[in-house]
Amino acid sequence: MASVGIFVGSSGGVTQEAAEALHELFEGSELINMEEDFDGIEQFDDFDVLLIGSSTWGQGDFQRDWVDPLFEMQNDEPDMSGKKVAFFGAGDQESHPEEFVSALGKMKDIFAKLGANTAFGAWPVDGYTFKYSFAQRDGKFCGLPIDDINQEDLTQERIEKWAAQVKAEMGL
């Protein structure tokens, strides 16, 4: 059975809550909070599947606890081939419609450059209102956007559907 690591950076708590829900839905997974539990990029080696969570800040930047690990990954270029990776994270499509969940796209590019298979968890843009997102690829988001500020009533259903979709796509 594939080992699943859920790595999450969260400042406001929404992405952390999504990670906790995913942890329940992916039986036997391990939840790693980037601020409290992350020991180094070697920790990614412990898992076959990585669920990567980050909220989006500023001009589409990833959550602060991801800054150093992603910088290190880009400099050290660890071999991520064989890893199956999917992305999720929080954003605010009304207050920040010009960079809605753009951090997911930036993270996808970094993991893909290192050889990870990041073709999992694409999510429809239908039902969201935004101007631009670097996470939008081929008419879909490259991961699950969570807008708990404007669409809180859809969050749990989206997480459950996305988890089922990712499991099916990855053969888990």
N, C-alpha and C. Protein backbone atom coordinates (compact mmCIF):
# COMPACT_ATOMS: atom_id res chain seq x y z
N MET A 1 0.83 -1.19 0.00
CA MET A 1 0.00 0.00 0.00
C MET A 1 0.87 1.24 0.00
N ALA A 2 0.46 2.25 -0.75
CA ALA A 2 1.21 3.49 -0.86
C ALA A 2 1.16 4.27 0.45
N SER A 3 2.30 4.84 0.81
CA SER A 3 2.34 5.69 2.00
C SER A 3 2.02 7.12 1.58
N VAL A 4 1.17 7.78 2.38
CA VAL A 4 0.67 9.11 2.05
C VAL A 4 1.10 10.10 3.13
N GLY A 5 1.79 11.16 2.68
CA GLY A 5 2.16 12.25 3.57
C GLY A 5 1.41 13.51 3.18
N ILE A 6 0.75 14.12 4.15
CA ILE A 6 0.02 15.36 3.92
C ILE A 6 0.84 16.47 4.57
N PHE A 7 1.45 17.32 3.74
CA PHE A 7 2.31 18.40 4.21
C PHE A 7 1.54 19.70 4.07
N VAL A 8 1.43 20.45 5.16
CA VAL A 8 0.57 21.64 5.14
C VAL A 8 1.22 22.84 5.82
N GLY A 9 1.12 23.98 5.14
CA GLY A 9 1.49 25.27 5.72
C GLY A 9 0.23 26.11 5.77
N SER A 10 -0.10 26.59 6.96
CA SER A 10 -1.35 27.32 7.13
C SER A 10 -1.16 28.44 8.13
N SER A 11 -1.57 29.65 7.77
CA SER A 11 -1.49 30.78 8.69
C SER A 11 -2.82 31.09 9.34
N GLY A 12 -3.91 31.01 8.56
CA GLY A 12 -5.22 31.34 9.08
C GLY A 12 -6.02 30.15 9.59
N GLY A 13 -5.53 28.94 9.35
CA GLY A 13 -6.19 27.75 9.85
C GLY A 13 -7.04 27.01 8.84
N VAL A 14 -7.44 27.64 7.74
CA VAL A 14 -8.32 27.00 6.77
C VAL A 14 -7.62 25.83 6.08
N THR A 15 -6.39 26.04 5.63
CA THR A 15 -5.67 24.96 4.96
C THR A 15 -5.35 23.84 5.95
N GLN A 16 -5.07 24.19 7.19
CA GLN A 16 -4.82 23.17 8.23
C GLN A 16 -6.07 22.32 8.45
N GLU A 17 -7.23 22.96 8.52
CA GLU A 17 -8.48 22.22 8.70
C GLU A 17 -8.74 21.30 7.51
N ALA A 18 -8.43 21.75 6.31
CA ALA A 18 -8.59 20.91 5.12
C ALA A 18 -7.64 19.72 5.21
N ALA A 19 -6.41 19.97 5.65
CA ALA A 19 -5.44 18.88 5.80
C ALA A 19 -5.91 17.85 6.82
N GLU A 20 -6.50 18.31 7.90
CA GLU A 20 -7.01 17.39 8.91
C GLU A 20 -8.17 16.55 8.36
N ALA A 21 -9.03 17.18 7.56
CA ALA A 21 -10.12 16.43 6.93
C ALA A 21 -9.56 15.40 5.96
N LEU A 22 -8.55 15.77 5.18
CA LEU A 22 -7.91 14.82 4.25
C LEU A 22 -7.23 13.69 5.00
N HIS A 23 -6.64 14.02 6.13
CA HIS A 23 -5.98 13.00 6.97
C HIS A 23 -6.98 11.91 7.38
N GLU A 24 -8.19 12.32 7.68
CA GLU A 24 -9.24 11.35 8.03
C GLU A 24 -9.68 10.54 6.82
N LEU A 25 -9.70 11.18 5.65
CA LEU A 25 -10.17 10.51 4.43
C LEU A 25 -9.12 9.61 3.80
N PHE A 26 -7.85 9.88 4.05
CA PHE A 26 -6.76 9.03 3.54
C PHE A 26 -6.26 8.20 4.72
N GLU A 27 -6.89 7.06 4.91
CA GLU A 27 -6.58 6.18 6.04
C GLU A 27 -5.11 5.80 6.05
N GLY A 28 -4.49 5.93 7.22
CA GLY A 28 -3.09 5.57 7.38
C GLY A 28 -2.12 6.66 6.95
N SER A 29 -2.63 7.81 6.54
CA SER A 29 -1.76 8.91 6.12
C SER A 29 -1.09 9.56 7.33
N GLU A 30 -0.04 10.30 7.06
CA GLU A 30 0.64 11.05 8.11
C GLU A 30 0.48 12.53 7.81
N LEU A 31 0.12 13.31 8.81
CA LEU A 31 -0.09 14.76 8.67
C LEU A 31 1.14 15.49 9.22
N ILE A 32 1.76 16.29 8.37
CA ILE A 32 2.96 17.03 8.75
C ILE A 32 2.69 18.53 8.61
N ASN A 33 2.65 19.22 9.73
CA ASN A 33 2.51 20.68 9.74
C ASN A 33 3.90 21.26 9.48
N MET A 34 4.03 22.10 8.47
CA MET A 34 5.34 22.61 8.05
C MET A 34 6.04 23.41 9.15
N GLU A 35 5.28 24.04 10.02
CA GLU A 35 5.89 24.83 11.09
C GLU A 35 6.34 23.96 12.25
N GLU A 36 5.54 22.96 12.60
CA GLU A 36 5.79 22.20 13.82
C GLU A 36 6.46 20.85 13.60
N ASP A 37 6.18 20.18 12.48
CA ASP A 37 6.59 18.79 12.31
C ASP A 37 7.61 18.56 11.20
N PHE A 38 7.88 19.56 10.39
CA PHE A 38 8.75 19.37 9.24
C PHE A 38 10.21 19.41 9.66
N ASP A 39 10.95 18.36 9.27
CA ASP A 39 12.36 18.24 9.67
C ASP A 39 13.33 18.57 8.54
N GLY A 40 12.88 18.54 7.31
CA GLY A 40 13.75 18.80 6.17
C GLY A 40 13.20 18.13 4.93
N ILE A 41 13.74 18.51 3.77
CA ILE A 41 13.18 17.99 2.53
C ILE A 41 13.37 16.49 2.38
N GLU A 42 14.27 15.90 3.15
CA GLU A 42 14.44 14.45 3.14
C GLU A 42 13.17 13.75 3.62
N GLN A 43 12.34 14.44 4.37
CA GLN A 43 11.11 13.88 4.91
C GLN A 43 10.15 13.48 3.78
N PHE A 44 10.24 14.12 2.63
CA PHE A 44 9.41 13.74 1.49
C PHE A 44 9.73 12.32 1.03
N ASP A 45 10.96 11.88 1.26
CA ASP A 45 11.39 10.54 0.84
C ASP A 45 10.61 9.42 1.53
N ASP A 46 10.01 9.72 2.66
CA ASP A 46 9.30 8.71 3.45
C ASP A 46 7.96 8.30 2.84
N PHE A 47 7.52 8.99 1.78
CA PHE A 47 6.17 8.79 1.25
C PHE A 47 6.17 8.57 -0.26
N ASP A 48 5.22 7.75 -0.70
CA ASP A 48 5.00 7.54 -2.13
C ASP A 48 4.09 8.63 -2.70
N VAL A 49 3.15 9.08 -1.88
CA VAL A 49 2.15 10.08 -2.27
C VAL A 49 2.31 11.30 -1.36
N LEU A 50 2.33 12.48 -1.98
CA LEU A 50 2.41 13.72 -1.23
C LEU A 50 1.18 14.57 -1.54
N LEU A 51 0.46 14.95 -0.51
CA LEU A 51 -0.63 15.92 -0.64
C LEU A 51 -0.07 17.21 -0.05
N ILE A 52 0.07 18.22 -0.89
CA ILE A 52 0.76 19.45 -0.53
C ILE A 52 -0.26 20.57 -0.36
N GLY A 53 -0.31 21.14 0.85
CA GLY A 53 -1.28 22.19 1.15
C GLY A 53 -0.63 23.50 1.51
N SER A 54 -1.13 24.56 0.89
CA SER A 54 -0.65 25.91 1.20
C SER A 54 -1.72 26.93 0.89
N SER A 55 -1.84 27.90 1.75
CA SER A 55 -2.68 29.05 1.44
C SER A 55 -1.87 29.97 0.52
N THR A 56 -2.57 30.90 -0.12
CA THR A 56 -1.92 31.85 -1.01
C THR A 56 -1.92 33.23 -0.37
N TRP A 57 -0.78 33.92 -0.45
CA TRP A 57 -0.59 35.22 0.19
C TRP A 57 -0.01 36.22 -0.80
N GLY A 58 -0.22 37.49 -0.55
CA GLY A 58 0.40 38.55 -1.33
C GLY A 58 0.13 38.43 -2.82
N GLN A 59 1.18 38.42 -3.59
CA GLN A 59 1.10 38.35 -5.05
C GLN A 59 1.14 36.90 -5.52
N GLY A 60 0.35 36.04 -4.87
CA GLY A 60 0.29 34.64 -5.27
C GLY A 60 1.36 33.79 -4.62
N ASP A 61 1.89 34.23 -3.50
CA ASP A 61 2.96 33.51 -2.82
C ASP A 61 2.42 32.39 -1.95
N PHE A 62 3.26 31.38 -1.73
CA PHE A 62 2.88 30.29 -0.84
C PHE A 62 3.04 30.72 0.61
N GLN A 63 2.42 29.96 1.48
CA GLN A 63 2.42 30.25 2.91
C GLN A 63 3.86 30.26 3.44
N ARG A 64 4.15 31.10 4.39
CA ARG A 64 5.53 31.37 4.85
C ARG A 64 6.32 30.15 5.29
N ASP A 65 5.66 29.12 5.83
CA ASP A 65 6.39 27.94 6.29
C ASP A 65 6.92 27.09 5.13
N TRP A 66 6.46 27.40 3.91
CA TRP A 66 6.94 26.70 2.72
C TRP A 66 8.15 27.39 2.09
N VAL A 67 8.42 28.64 2.44
CA VAL A 67 9.44 29.42 1.75
C VAL A 67 10.81 28.73 1.78
N ASP A 68 11.31 28.42 2.95
CA ASP A 68 12.65 27.81 3.06
C ASP A 68 12.71 26.42 2.42
N PRO A 69 11.74 25.52 2.70
CA PRO A 69 11.81 24.20 2.06
C PRO A 69 11.77 24.27 0.52
N LEU A 70 10.94 25.13 -0.03
CA LEU A 70 10.86 25.23 -1.49
C LEU A 70 12.12 25.85 -2.07
N PHE A 71 12.71 26.81 -1.37
CA PHE A 71 13.98 27.39 -1.79
C PHE A 71 15.07 26.32 -1.79
N GLU A 72 15.10 25.53 -0.73
CA GLU A 72 16.09 24.44 -0.64
C GLU A 72 15.88 23.42 -1.75
N MET A 73 14.62 23.09 -2.03
CA MET A 73 14.33 22.13 -3.10
C MET A 73 14.83 22.64 -4.45
N GLN A 74 14.63 23.91 -4.70
CA GLN A 74 15.06 24.48 -5.98
C GLN A 74 16.58 24.54 -6.10
N ASN A 75 17.28 24.68 -4.97
CA ASN A 75 18.74 24.73 -4.99
C ASN A 75 19.36 23.33 -4.99
N ASP A 76 18.85 22.43 -4.16
CA ASP A 76 19.43 21.09 -4.03
C ASP A 76 18.92 20.13 -5.10
N GLU A 77 17.76 20.42 -5.67
CA GLU A 77 17.13 19.62 -6.71
C GLU A 77 17.07 18.12 -6.36
N PRO A 78 16.37 17.77 -5.28
CA PRO A 78 16.22 16.35 -4.95
C PRO A 78 15.42 15.62 -6.03
N ASP A 79 15.68 14.34 -6.19
CA ASP A 79 14.98 13.54 -7.19
C ASP A 79 13.61 13.15 -6.64
N MET A 80 12.56 13.67 -7.25
CA MET A 80 11.20 13.39 -6.82
C MET A 80 10.52 12.40 -7.76
N SER A 81 11.27 11.82 -8.69
CA SER A 81 10.65 10.88 -9.62
C SER A 81 10.05 9.71 -8.84
N GLY A 82 8.92 9.27 -9.28
CA GLY A 82 8.20 8.20 -8.59
C GLY A 82 7.20 8.70 -7.57
N LYS A 83 7.28 9.97 -7.21
CA LYS A 83 6.32 10.54 -6.25
C LYS A 83 5.06 10.96 -6.99
N LYS A 84 3.91 10.65 -6.41
CA LYS A 84 2.63 11.15 -6.90
C LYS A 84 2.24 12.31 -6.00
N VAL A 85 1.96 13.47 -6.61
CA VAL A 85 1.73 14.68 -5.82
C VAL A 85 0.45 15.37 -6.27
N ALA A 86 -0.34 15.82 -5.29
CA ALA A 86 -1.55 16.61 -5.54
C ALA A 86 -1.53 17.80 -4.58
N PHE A 87 -2.19 18.88 -4.98
CA PHE A 87 -2.12 20.15 -4.27
C PHE A 87 -3.50 20.63 -3.82
N PHE A 88 -3.54 21.30 -2.68
CA PHE A 88 -4.77 21.91 -2.16
C PHE A 88 -4.39 23.15 -1.37
N GLY A 89 -5.33 24.09 -1.26
CA GLY A 89 -5.02 25.26 -0.46
C GLY A 89 -6.11 26.30 -0.47
N ALA A 90 -5.99 27.20 0.48
CA ALA A 90 -6.99 28.24 0.69
C ALA A 90 -6.65 29.52 -0.05
N GLY A 91 -7.71 30.20 -0.44
CA GLY A 91 -7.59 31.52 -1.07
C GLY A 91 -8.90 32.25 -0.88
N ASP A 92 -8.92 33.51 -1.30
CA ASP A 92 -10.11 34.35 -1.18
C ASP A 92 -10.38 34.94 -2.57
N GLN A 93 -11.36 34.37 -3.26
CA GLN A 93 -11.63 34.77 -4.64
C GLN A 93 -12.25 36.15 -4.78
N GLU A 94 -12.82 36.68 -3.72
CA GLU A 94 -13.44 38.01 -3.80
C GLU A 94 -12.46 39.12 -3.42
N SER A 95 -11.71 38.95 -2.35
CA SER A 95 -10.75 39.98 -1.94
C SER A 95 -9.46 39.93 -2.76
N HIS A 96 -9.13 38.75 -3.28
CA HIS A 96 -7.88 38.59 -4.05
C HIS A 96 -8.16 37.82 -5.34
N PRO A 97 -9.02 38.36 -6.20
CA PRO A 97 -9.39 37.64 -7.42
C PRO A 97 -8.28 37.60 -8.46
N GLU A 98 -7.25 38.44 -8.30
CA GLU A 98 -6.20 38.52 -9.29
C GLU A 98 -5.09 37.49 -9.09
N GLU A 99 -5.06 36.81 -7.96
CA GLU A 99 -4.04 35.78 -7.68
C GLU A 99 -4.65 34.60 -6.92
N PHE A 100 -5.89 34.31 -7.18
CA PHE A 100 -6.61 33.28 -6.42
C PHE A 100 -5.87 31.95 -6.47
N VAL A 101 -5.51 31.43 -5.34
CA VAL A 101 -4.78 30.16 -5.11
C VAL A 101 -3.58 29.97 -6.05
N SER A 102 -2.95 31.06 -6.45
CA SER A 102 -1.80 30.96 -7.35
C SER A 102 -0.64 30.17 -6.76
N ALA A 103 -0.53 30.12 -5.44
CA ALA A 103 0.55 29.35 -4.81
C ALA A 103 0.53 27.89 -5.26
N LEU A 104 -0.66 27.35 -5.50
CA LEU A 104 -0.74 25.93 -5.93
C LEU A 104 -0.02 25.73 -7.26
N GLY A 105 -0.18 26.66 -8.18
CA GLY A 105 0.49 26.54 -9.47
C GLY A 105 2.00 26.67 -9.34
N LYS A 106 2.45 27.57 -8.50
CA LYS A 106 3.88 27.74 -8.29
C LYS A 106 4.49 26.49 -7.68
N MET A 107 3.79 25.90 -6.72
CA MET A 107 4.30 24.69 -6.08
C MET A 107 4.29 23.52 -7.06
N LYS A 108 3.25 23.42 -7.85
CA LYS A 108 3.17 22.35 -8.86
C LYS A 108 4.38 22.41 -9.78
N ASP A 109 4.74 23.60 -10.23
CA ASP A 109 5.87 23.76 -11.14
C ASP A 109 7.18 23.31 -10.48
N ILE A 110 7.36 23.63 -9.21
CA ILE A 110 8.59 23.23 -8.51
C ILE A 110 8.67 21.71 -8.39
N PHE A 111 7.59 21.08 -7.94
CA PHE A 111 7.59 19.62 -7.77
C PHE A 111 7.74 18.92 -9.12
N ALA A 112 7.08 19.43 -10.15
CA ALA A 112 7.17 18.81 -11.48
C ALA A 112 8.59 18.91 -12.03
N LYS A 113 9.24 20.04 -11.82
CA LYS A 113 10.62 20.23 -12.29
C LYS A 113 11.56 19.22 -11.65
N LEU A 114 11.24 18.79 -10.44
CA LEU A 114 12.08 17.83 -9.72
C LEU A 114 11.72 16.38 -10.06
N GLY A 115 10.79 16.20 -11.00
CA GLY A 115 10.48 14.86 -11.49
C GLY A 115 9.24 14.22 -10.92
N ALA A 116 8.54 14.89 -10.00
CA ALA A 116 7.32 14.32 -9.42
C ALA A 116 6.21 14.27 -10.46
N ASN A 117 5.35 13.29 -10.32
CA ASN A 117 4.16 13.21 -11.18
C ASN A 117 3.09 14.06 -10.52
N THR A 118 2.80 15.21 -11.12
CA THR A 118 1.87 16.18 -10.54
C THR A 118 0.56 16.25 -11.34
N ALA A 119 0.24 15.17 -12.03
CA ALA A 119 -0.95 15.16 -12.90
C ALA A 119 -2.22 14.75 -12.16
N PHE A 120 -2.26 14.92 -10.87
CA PHE A 120 -3.39 14.46 -10.06
C PHE A 120 -4.13 15.63 -9.42
N GLY A 121 -5.44 15.47 -9.25
CA GLY A 121 -6.22 16.41 -8.46
C GLY A 121 -6.66 17.68 -9.16
N ALA A 122 -6.63 17.71 -10.50
CA ALA A 122 -7.14 18.90 -11.20
C ALA A 122 -8.61 19.10 -10.83
N TRP A 123 -9.00 20.35 -10.67
CA TRP A 123 -10.34 20.66 -10.17
C TRP A 123 -11.00 21.69 -11.08
N PRO A 124 -12.30 21.55 -11.35
CA PRO A 124 -12.99 22.51 -12.25
C PRO A 124 -12.98 23.94 -11.71
N VAL A 125 -12.92 24.90 -12.62
CA VAL A 125 -12.99 26.31 -12.23
C VAL A 125 -14.44 26.75 -12.05
N ASP A 126 -15.39 25.92 -12.53
CA ASP A 126 -16.81 26.23 -12.37
C ASP A 126 -17.16 26.40 -10.90
N GLY A 127 -17.94 27.42 -10.61
CA GLY A 127 -18.36 27.66 -9.23
C GLY A 127 -17.46 28.64 -8.49
N TYR A 128 -16.39 29.10 -9.14
CA TYR A 128 -15.49 30.09 -8.55
C TYR A 128 -15.55 31.35 -9.40
N THR A 129 -15.36 32.51 -8.76
CA THR A 129 -15.34 33.78 -9.46
C THR A 129 -14.01 34.46 -9.14
N PHE A 130 -13.15 34.58 -10.15
CA PHE A 130 -11.83 35.17 -9.95
C PHE A 130 -11.37 35.76 -11.28
N LYS A 131 -10.37 36.61 -11.24
CA LYS A 131 -9.84 37.22 -12.46
C LYS A 131 -8.71 36.40 -13.06
N TYR A 132 -7.81 35.93 -12.19
CA TYR A 132 -6.64 35.20 -12.65
C TYR A 132 -6.17 34.26 -11.55
N SER A 133 -5.61 33.14 -11.97
CA SER A 133 -4.96 32.23 -11.05
C SER A 133 -3.84 31.51 -11.78
N PHE A 134 -2.65 31.57 -11.23
CA PHE A 134 -1.52 30.83 -11.78
C PHE A 134 -1.73 29.33 -11.61
N ALA A 135 -2.71 28.96 -10.80
CA ALA A 135 -3.05 27.55 -10.61
C ALA A 135 -3.98 27.03 -11.70
N GLN A 136 -4.47 27.91 -12.55
CA GLN A 136 -5.36 27.46 -13.62
C GLN A 136 -4.52 26.97 -14.79
N ARG A 137 -4.75 25.71 -15.14
CA ARG A 137 -4.02 25.07 -16.24
C ARG A 137 -5.01 24.32 -17.10
N ASP A 138 -5.00 24.57 -18.38
CA ASP A 138 -5.87 23.86 -19.32
C ASP A 138 -7.34 23.92 -18.88
N GLY A 139 -7.78 25.07 -18.38
CA GLY A 139 -9.17 25.28 -18.02
C GLY A 139 -9.60 24.70 -16.68
N LYS A 140 -8.63 24.19 -15.90
CA LYS A 140 -8.92 23.67 -14.56
C LYS A 140 -7.87 24.18 -13.60
N PHE A 141 -8.18 24.09 -12.31
CA PHE A 141 -7.16 24.36 -11.30
C PHE A 141 -6.26 23.13 -11.19
N CYS A 142 -5.00 23.34 -10.89
CA CYS A 142 -4.07 22.21 -10.75
C CYS A 142 -4.16 21.56 -9.37
N GLY A 143 -5.15 21.90 -8.62
CA GLY A 143 -5.39 21.32 -7.30
C GLY A 143 -6.73 21.83 -6.78
N LEU A 144 -6.99 21.56 -5.52
CA LEU A 144 -8.27 21.94 -4.92
C LEU A 144 -8.19 23.32 -4.27
N PRO A 145 -8.94 24.31 -4.80
CA PRO A 145 -9.04 25.61 -4.15
C PRO A 145 -10.12 25.59 -3.07
N ILE A 146 -9.78 26.12 -1.92
CA ILE A 146 -10.73 26.21 -0.82
C ILE A 146 -10.93 27.68 -0.50
N ASP A 147 -12.15 28.15 -0.60
CA ASP A 147 -12.47 29.53 -0.24
C ASP A 147 -13.47 29.48 0.91
N ASP A 148 -12.94 29.34 2.10
CA ASP A 148 -13.77 29.22 3.29
C ASP A 148 -14.34 30.56 3.74
N ILE A 149 -13.88 31.63 3.13
CA ILE A 149 -14.39 32.96 3.47
C ILE A 149 -15.71 33.22 2.75
N ASN A 150 -15.74 32.88 1.45
CA ASN A 150 -16.90 33.18 0.63
C ASN A 150 -17.79 31.98 0.31
N GLN A 151 -17.24 30.78 0.45
CA GLN A 151 -18.00 29.57 0.10
C GLN A 151 -17.81 28.47 1.15
N GLU A 152 -17.87 28.85 2.39
CA GLU A 152 -17.66 27.90 3.49
C GLU A 152 -18.60 26.70 3.39
N ASP A 153 -19.82 26.94 2.92
CA ASP A 153 -20.80 25.86 2.84
C ASP A 153 -20.42 24.78 1.81
N LEU A 154 -19.47 25.06 0.94
CA LEU A 154 -19.03 24.09 -0.08
C LEU A 154 -17.74 23.37 0.29
N THR A 155 -17.06 23.82 1.33
CA THR A 155 -15.73 23.32 1.65
C THR A 155 -15.70 21.82 1.91
N GLN A 156 -16.50 21.32 2.82
CA GLN A 156 -16.43 19.90 3.18
C GLN A 156 -16.77 19.01 1.99
N GLU A 157 -17.80 19.36 1.25
CA GLU A 157 -18.18 18.58 0.08
C GLU A 157 -17.05 18.56 -0.96
N ARG A 158 -16.42 19.70 -1.18
CA ARG A 158 -15.32 19.77 -2.13
C ARG A 158 -14.15 18.90 -1.68
N ILE A 159 -13.82 18.95 -0.40
CA ILE A 159 -12.71 18.14 0.12
C ILE A 159 -13.01 16.66 -0.07
N GLU A 160 -14.22 16.24 0.25
CA GLU A 160 -14.59 14.83 0.11
C GLU A 160 -14.54 14.37 -1.34
N LYS A 161 -15.07 15.19 -2.24
CA LYS A 161 -15.05 14.83 -3.67
C LYS A 161 -13.63 14.81 -4.21
N TRP A 162 -12.84 15.78 -3.81
CA TRP A 162 -11.45 15.83 -4.28
C TRP A 162 -10.66 14.64 -3.77
N ALA A 163 -10.84 14.28 -2.51
CA ALA A 163 -10.14 13.12 -1.95
C ALA A 163 -10.50 11.85 -2.73
N ALA A 164 -11.78 11.66 -3.01
CA ALA A 164 -12.21 10.48 -3.78
C ALA A 164 -11.61 10.51 -5.18
N GLN A 165 -11.58 11.68 -5.79
CA GLN A 165 -11.01 11.83 -7.13
C GLN A 165 -9.52 11.48 -7.13
N VAL A 166 -8.77 12.03 -6.17
CA VAL A 166 -7.33 11.79 -6.08
C VAL A 166 -7.05 10.31 -5.83
N LYS A 167 -7.81 9.70 -4.95
CA LYS A 167 -7.63 8.26 -4.67
C LYS A 167 -7.83 7.46 -5.95
N ALA A 168 -8.87 7.76 -6.71
CA ALA A 168 -9.15 7.05 -7.96
C ALA A 168 -8.03 7.27 -8.97
N GLU A 169 -7.60 8.53 -9.11
CA GLU A 169 -6.55 8.85 -10.08
C GLU A 169 -5.23 8.18 -9.73
N MET A 170 -4.94 8.08 -8.45
CA MET A 170 -3.67 7.49 -8.01
C MET A 170 -3.74 5.98 -7.80
N GLY A 171 -4.95 5.43 -7.88
CA GLY A 171 -5.10 4.00 -7.66
C GLY A 171 -4.91 3.60 -6.21
N LEU A 172 -5.37 4.44 -5.28
CA LEU A 172 -5.21 4.16 -3.85
C LEU A 172 -6.44 3.44 -3.29
